[in-house]
Amino acid sequence: MARKNGAVTVARMDCMSPDCGERVAVFQNALGYLYTRCPECACDQRKGAGHQAYIWRHMEPVAGVEIVRPPNLPDGYGEPGQPPQSAPPVPAEPIGTVPTVQSEKRGGGLVWLALGLLGVGVATVASAAGAGSQV
């Protein structure tokens, strides 16, 4: 795929590589995905939702540049450079209560065992009867 010349920087952020420490330029491709270009680490064009969310949370937008929300950004992310809005807390169960687990009743196991033994018995009797009539 041909490189698009004249890509416009939409934001800046610290490089994601823990040992780098450089400031990187953030760009946005024609499909709306964000990518970074670091002078030390090169270009990072990963499109995964987690990677896009990380860039969205940590970038500092350039004034006057429009940034489109990446297509796979999870719900709950507001403006660029802001942490995600937290979901309402899930009510916790009172301390000291233990959830009950319903046991799965497995009926019929003994019935199948009895039918199997009956079948073996019938086969044995039939075999013995057939062997005795040939004598």
Protein backbone atom coordinates (compact mmCIF):
# COMPACT_ATOMS: atom_id res chain seq x y z
CA MET A 1 0.00 0.00 0.00
CA ALA A 2 1.40 3.37 -0.96
CA ARG A 3 2.33 5.77 1.82
CA LYS A 4 0.24 8.93 2.03
CA ASN A 5 2.56 11.92 1.93
CA GLY A 6 1.77 14.97 4.02
CA ALA A 7 0.05 13.17 6.89
CA VAL A 8 -1.09 15.67 9.50
CA THR A 9 -0.20 15.23 13.16
CA VAL A 10 -3.46 15.10 15.14
CA ALA A 11 -1.92 14.70 18.60
CA ARG A 12 1.25 14.05 20.57
CA MET A 13 1.96 11.62 23.40
CA ASP A 14 4.79 9.81 25.18
CA CYS A 15 6.10 6.75 23.37
CA MET A 16 4.47 3.52 24.54
CA SER A 17 7.79 1.70 24.75
CA PRO A 18 8.82 1.78 28.42
CA ASP A 19 12.53 2.27 27.64
CA CYS A 20 12.15 4.94 24.96
CA GLY A 21 10.98 8.18 26.59
CA GLU A 22 10.53 10.07 23.29
CA ARG A 23 7.50 12.17 22.35
CA VAL A 24 5.66 10.67 19.37
CA ALA A 25 3.38 12.11 16.75
CA VAL A 26 -0.12 10.62 16.51
CA PHE A 27 -1.71 10.37 13.07
CA GLN A 28 -5.08 9.11 11.84
CA ASN A 29 -5.46 7.01 8.70
CA ALA A 30 -8.29 7.16 6.18
CA LEU A 31 -10.20 4.39 8.01
CA GLY A 32 -10.13 6.35 11.27
CA TYR A 33 -7.52 4.29 13.13
CA LEU A 34 -4.86 6.11 15.15
CA TYR A 35 -1.18 5.31 14.75
CA THR A 36 2.05 6.67 16.14
CA ARG A 37 5.43 7.48 14.66
CA CYS A 38 8.38 7.61 17.07
CA PRO A 39 11.82 8.89 15.99
CA GLU A 40 13.46 5.99 17.88
CA CYS A 41 10.93 3.12 17.68
CA ALA A 42 9.48 3.73 14.18
CA CYS A 43 5.82 3.52 13.16
CA ASP A 44 3.21 1.60 15.18
CA GLN A 45 0.00 0.92 13.23
CA ARG A 46 -1.73 -1.65 15.43
CA LYS A 47 -5.53 -1.50 15.07
CA GLY A 48 -6.66 -3.57 18.06
CA ALA A 49 -9.33 -2.06 20.31
CA GLY A 50 -7.04 -2.03 23.36
CA HIS A 51 -4.26 -0.27 21.47
CA GLN A 52 -6.65 2.31 20.01
CA ALA A 53 -8.12 2.95 23.48
CA TYR A 54 -4.63 3.45 24.93
CA ILE A 55 -3.73 6.06 22.33
CA TRP A 56 -7.13 7.77 22.74
CA ARG A 57 -6.66 8.03 26.54
CA HIS A 58 -3.06 9.23 26.49
CA MET A 59 -2.79 11.56 23.50
CA GLU A 60 -2.75 15.34 23.72
CA PRO A 61 -4.70 16.68 20.69
CA VAL A 62 -3.18 19.40 18.53
CA ALA A 63 -5.31 22.56 18.55
CA GLY A 64 -7.46 23.10 15.47
CA VAL A 65 -7.23 19.54 14.15
CA GLU A 66 -10.31 17.33 13.94
CA ILE A 67 -9.92 13.82 15.35
CA VAL A 68 -12.43 11.13 14.39
CA ARG A 69 -13.29 8.47 16.97
CA PRO A 70 -11.66 5.15 15.92
CA PRO A 71 -14.27 2.63 14.68
CA ASN A 72 -13.41 -0.05 17.26
CA LEU A 73 -13.01 2.16 20.32
CA PRO A 74 -14.96 0.58 23.22
CA ASP A 75 -17.95 2.42 24.64
CA GLY A 76 -17.35 4.73 27.59
CA TYR A 77 -14.50 6.74 26.07
CA GLY A 78 -15.24 10.44 25.94
CA GLU A 79 -12.93 13.07 24.56
CA PRO A 80 -9.34 12.31 23.52
CA GLY A 81 -6.84 12.49 26.37
CA GLN A 82 -9.47 11.78 29.02
CA PRO A 83 -9.78 8.58 31.08
CA PRO A 84 -12.79 6.39 30.26
CA GLN A 85 -16.02 7.05 32.09
CA SER A 86 -16.38 4.44 34.77
CA ALA A 87 -19.36 2.13 34.75
CA PRO A 88 -21.72 2.31 37.73
CA PRO A 89 -20.41 0.12 40.55
CA VAL A 90 -21.85 -3.34 40.86
CA PRO A 91 -23.59 -3.79 44.22
CA ALA A 92 -21.62 -6.20 46.37
CA GLU A 93 -23.21 -8.99 48.32
CA PRO A 94 -23.28 -8.46 52.09
CA ILE A 95 -20.19 -9.85 53.82
CA GLY A 96 -20.76 -13.24 55.37
CA THR A 97 -23.17 -14.60 52.79
CA VAL A 98 -22.06 -17.49 50.70
CA PRO A 99 -23.77 -18.00 47.37
CA THR A 100 -25.57 -21.32 47.16
CA VAL A 101 -24.70 -23.69 44.38
CA GLN A 102 -27.49 -25.91 43.18
CA SER A 103 -26.38 -29.45 42.68
CA GLU A 104 -27.24 -31.06 39.42
CA LYS A 105 -29.43 -34.10 39.95
CA ARG A 106 -28.35 -36.98 37.83
CA GLY A 107 -31.30 -39.34 37.78
CA GLY A 108 -31.37 -42.52 35.80
CA GLY A 109 -27.82 -43.74 36.38
CA LEU A 110 -28.97 -46.72 38.39
CA VAL A 111 -31.72 -47.43 35.90
CA TRP A 112 -29.19 -47.68 33.05
CA LEU A 113 -26.95 -49.88 35.17
CA ALA A 114 -29.84 -52.22 35.94
CA LEU A 115 -30.87 -52.38 32.28
CA GLY A 116 -27.28 -53.13 31.26
CA LEU A 117 -26.97 -55.94 33.80
CA LEU A 118 -30.35 -57.32 32.72
CA GLY A 119 -29.19 -57.32 29.09
CA VAL A 120 -25.99 -59.18 30.00
CA GLY A 121 -28.03 -61.70 32.00
CA VAL A 122 -30.48 -62.29 29.14
CA ALA A 123 -27.60 -62.71 26.70
CA THR A 124 -25.91 -65.22 29.03
CA VAL A 125 -29.11 -67.25 29.47
CA ALA A 126 -29.84 -67.21 25.74
CA SER A 127 -26.28 -68.29 25.01
CA ALA A 128 -26.48 -71.12 27.54
CA ALA A 129 -29.87 -72.24 26.21
CA GLY A 130 -28.59 -72.22 22.64
CA ALA A 131 -25.49 -74.24 23.63
CA GLY A 132 -27.56 -76.80 25.57
CA SER A 133 -29.98 -77.51 22.72
CA GLN A 134 -27.13 -78.46 20.38
CA VAL A 135 -25.89 -81.26 22.60
